[in-house]
Amino acid sequence: MASHRLKEYNPDTELISGNTIKNANVSANMLRSKFYVCPVCGNVIHSMGEAAIQCHGILLSPLEAETSDEQHMIFTERIEDEYYVRIDHEMTKSHFISFMAAVSSDNIQMLKLYPEGNAEARFKIRGVKKIFFYCNRDGLFSQDIVKGIDDKESEYYYSDERKELEETAKKLFG
């Protein structure tokens, strides 16, 4: 009697086959990140998809991000290859921004902030699409990076429309 063995899966063979491979992993995009904060100790937990997270015996729910408001104004400035992010917010021991995170589709940069410090950070640009930050009283907030700040080629200054206008002005006025 011949023994039947299951063929062992080899990802290299799949890649070399030339067939299109579709990634069905729904949690692979970092822009779908979930943030959890423990109400007891303030632990900040990040997941790339759905998860059952517990801290101090409490099942934590993922935070829902709100867009920044007038009490949580975020200012983003491009400085060379980084974003300088500042939030006008008090940083007292009872009311402060706990963390900031810059998220792209394949990367997250996260910075823990502390009371009595400044609510500011520098993040490498690397395709960042969204900034998240957490206020210990009011919850999670986010803001999309404005088109043009992170992509110098798409700014009006470098746009084809501006180049055409400059060329026309040169022809007309020398």
Protein backbone atom coordinates (compact mmCIF):
# COMPACT_ATOMS: atom_id res chain seq x y z
CA MET A 1 0.00 0.00 0.00
CA ALA A 2 1.49 3.33 -1.06
CA SER A 3 1.51 6.11 1.48
CA HIS A 4 0.06 9.41 0.39
CA ARG A 5 1.91 12.48 1.55
CA LEU A 6 0.53 15.99 1.43
CA LYS A 7 2.55 18.29 -0.76
CA GLU A 8 4.38 20.78 1.42
CA TYR A 9 3.56 24.45 0.73
CA ASN A 10 6.51 26.44 -0.59
CA PRO A 11 5.96 30.21 -1.03
CA ASP A 12 9.01 30.48 -3.32
CA THR A 13 7.41 28.10 -5.82
CA GLU A 14 4.27 30.23 -5.79
CA LEU A 15 6.25 33.39 -6.51
CA ILE A 16 8.32 31.79 -9.28
CA SER A 17 5.22 30.36 -10.99
CA GLY A 18 4.50 33.68 -12.68
CA ASN A 19 0.87 33.63 -11.58
CA THR A 20 -0.63 36.74 -10.04
CA ILE A 21 -0.81 36.39 -6.28
CA LYS A 22 -3.60 38.28 -4.54
CA ASN A 23 -3.01 39.08 -0.89
CA ALA A 24 -6.29 38.32 0.90
CA ASN A 25 -4.95 39.44 4.28
CA VAL A 26 -7.38 42.16 5.36
CA SER A 27 -5.11 43.41 8.12
CA ALA A 28 -2.09 44.10 5.91
CA ASN A 29 -2.81 47.81 5.42
CA MET A 30 -1.49 49.88 8.34
CA LEU A 31 -4.10 52.55 7.58
CA ARG A 32 -6.62 50.07 9.06
CA SER A 33 -4.71 50.10 12.35
CA LYS A 34 -6.57 49.85 15.63
CA PHE A 35 -5.51 51.57 18.84
CA TYR A 36 -6.45 50.45 22.35
CA VAL A 37 -5.82 52.32 25.61
CA CYS A 38 -6.15 50.74 29.05
CA PRO A 39 -8.27 52.92 31.38
CA VAL A 40 -6.36 51.58 34.42
CA CYS A 41 -2.69 52.01 33.51
CA GLY A 42 -2.78 54.00 30.25
CA ASN A 43 -1.05 51.26 28.24
CA VAL A 44 -1.29 51.96 24.50
CA ILE A 45 -1.68 48.90 22.28
CA HIS A 46 -1.62 48.88 18.49
CA SER A 47 -2.96 46.13 16.23
CA MET A 48 -2.93 45.82 12.46
CA GLY A 49 -6.41 44.30 12.42
CA GLU A 50 -9.15 42.96 14.63
CA ALA A 51 -7.91 41.59 17.96
CA ALA A 52 -9.16 40.68 21.42
CA ILE A 53 -6.98 42.78 23.71
CA GLN A 54 -7.09 42.66 27.51
CA CYS A 55 -5.24 44.70 30.09
CA HIS A 56 -5.77 44.39 33.86
CA GLY A 57 -8.53 41.87 33.14
CA ILE A 58 -10.51 44.39 31.09
CA LEU A 59 -11.43 43.57 27.49
CA LEU A 60 -10.48 46.70 25.55
CA SER A 61 -12.45 47.99 22.58
CA PRO A 62 -10.68 49.62 19.64
CA LEU A 63 -10.85 53.40 19.78
CA GLU A 64 -12.82 55.23 17.10
CA ALA A 65 -10.91 58.24 15.78
CA GLU A 66 -12.70 61.56 15.49
CA THR A 67 -11.45 64.33 13.24
CA SER A 68 -9.49 66.98 15.11
CA ASP A 69 -11.58 69.83 16.49
CA GLU A 70 -10.96 73.35 17.83
CA GLN A 71 -9.87 72.01 21.25
CA HIS A 72 -7.46 69.59 19.55
CA MET A 73 -5.94 71.57 16.70
CA ILE A 74 -3.11 69.83 14.87
CA PHE A 75 -0.54 71.68 12.81
CA THR A 76 1.67 69.84 10.35
CA GLU A 77 4.66 71.38 8.63
CA ARG A 78 7.04 69.75 6.19
CA ILE A 79 10.69 70.31 7.12
CA GLU A 80 13.05 68.60 4.66
CA ASP A 81 12.27 64.85 4.84
CA GLU A 82 10.17 65.06 8.02
CA TYR A 83 6.83 66.30 9.26
CA TYR A 84 6.90 68.52 12.29
CA VAL A 85 3.57 67.92 14.05
CA ARG A 86 2.34 70.17 16.86
CA ILE A 87 -0.92 70.08 18.78
CA ASP A 88 -2.13 73.14 20.67
CA HIS A 89 -3.23 71.34 23.81
CA GLU A 90 -2.51 71.57 27.51
CA MET A 91 -0.05 69.01 28.85
CA THR A 92 -0.91 68.88 32.55
CA LYS A 93 -0.87 65.73 34.67
CA SER A 94 -4.67 65.54 34.50
CA HIS A 95 -5.19 66.44 30.81
CA PHE A 96 -2.63 65.67 28.12
CA ILE A 97 -1.89 64.09 24.73
CA SER A 98 -0.68 60.55 25.44
CA PHE A 99 0.71 59.60 22.03
CA MET A 100 1.00 60.59 18.38
CA ALA A 101 1.30 58.21 15.44
CA ALA A 102 2.08 58.82 11.76
CA VAL A 103 0.63 56.08 9.57
CA SER A 104 1.21 55.04 5.96
CA SER A 105 -0.12 51.95 4.21
CA ASP A 106 2.93 49.90 5.28
CA ASN A 107 4.48 51.75 8.22
CA ILE A 108 3.63 53.29 11.57
CA GLN A 109 5.75 55.68 13.60
CA MET A 110 4.52 56.12 17.14
CA LEU A 111 5.72 58.49 19.85
CA LYS A 112 4.71 58.38 23.52
CA LEU A 113 4.19 61.83 25.04
CA TYR A 114 4.20 62.77 28.72
CA PRO A 115 2.52 65.42 30.90
CA GLU A 116 4.52 68.59 31.40
CA GLY A 117 6.20 67.99 27.99
CA ASN A 118 5.30 69.46 24.61
CA ALA A 119 2.66 68.00 22.32
CA GLU A 120 4.94 67.88 19.30
CA ALA A 121 6.82 65.32 17.25
CA ARG A 122 8.88 64.81 14.11
CA PHE A 123 8.06 61.94 11.78
CA LYS A 124 9.84 60.75 8.64
CA ILE A 125 7.56 61.40 5.67
CA ARG A 126 7.77 57.87 4.14
CA GLY A 127 4.29 57.99 2.56
CA VAL A 128 2.46 59.13 5.71
CA LYS A 129 -1.24 59.56 5.00
CA LYS A 130 -2.72 60.09 8.46
CA ILE A 131 -1.75 61.41 11.88
CA PHE A 132 -3.41 59.96 15.00
CA PHE A 133 -3.21 61.36 18.52
CA TYR A 134 -4.83 60.45 21.80
CA CYS A 135 -6.12 62.86 24.45
CA ASN A 136 -6.44 61.17 27.84
CA ARG A 137 -9.83 62.88 28.44
CA ASP A 138 -11.40 63.20 25.00
CA GLY A 139 -10.12 60.12 23.13
CA LEU A 140 -8.54 59.38 19.77
CA PHE A 141 -8.33 61.95 16.99
CA SER A 142 -6.97 61.81 13.46
CA GLN A 143 -6.21 64.08 10.57
CA ASP A 144 -5.39 63.21 6.98
CA ILE A 145 -2.22 64.73 5.61
CA VAL A 146 -3.16 67.43 3.11
CA LYS A 147 -2.34 66.48 -0.49
CA GLY A 148 0.72 68.43 -1.52
CA ILE A 149 2.40 68.63 1.88
CA ASP A 150 3.85 65.13 1.58
CA ASP A 151 4.36 65.07 -2.18
CA LYS A 152 6.33 68.06 -3.43
CA GLU A 153 5.74 67.06 -7.05
CA SER A 154 1.96 67.46 -6.61
CA GLU A 155 2.10 70.87 -4.95
CA TYR A 156 0.89 73.81 -7.01
CA TYR A 157 4.44 75.15 -7.02
CA TYR A 158 5.55 72.15 -9.08
CA SER A 159 2.34 71.56 -11.03
CA ASP A 160 2.12 71.44 -14.82
CA GLU A 161 -0.45 74.25 -14.68
CA ARG A 162 2.04 76.54 -12.95
CA LYS A 163 4.83 75.57 -15.37
CA GLU A 164 2.57 76.43 -18.35
CA LEU A 165 1.66 79.78 -16.79
CA GLU A 166 5.34 80.59 -16.21
CA GLU A 167 6.22 79.66 -19.81
CA THR A 168 3.38 81.83 -21.14
CA ALA A 169 4.51 84.74 -18.95
CA LYS A 170 8.08 84.39 -20.26
CA LYS A 171 6.81 84.49 -23.88
CA LEU A 172 4.63 87.53 -23.21
CA PHE A 173 6.96 89.52 -20.99
CA GLY A 174 10.38 88.20 -21.88
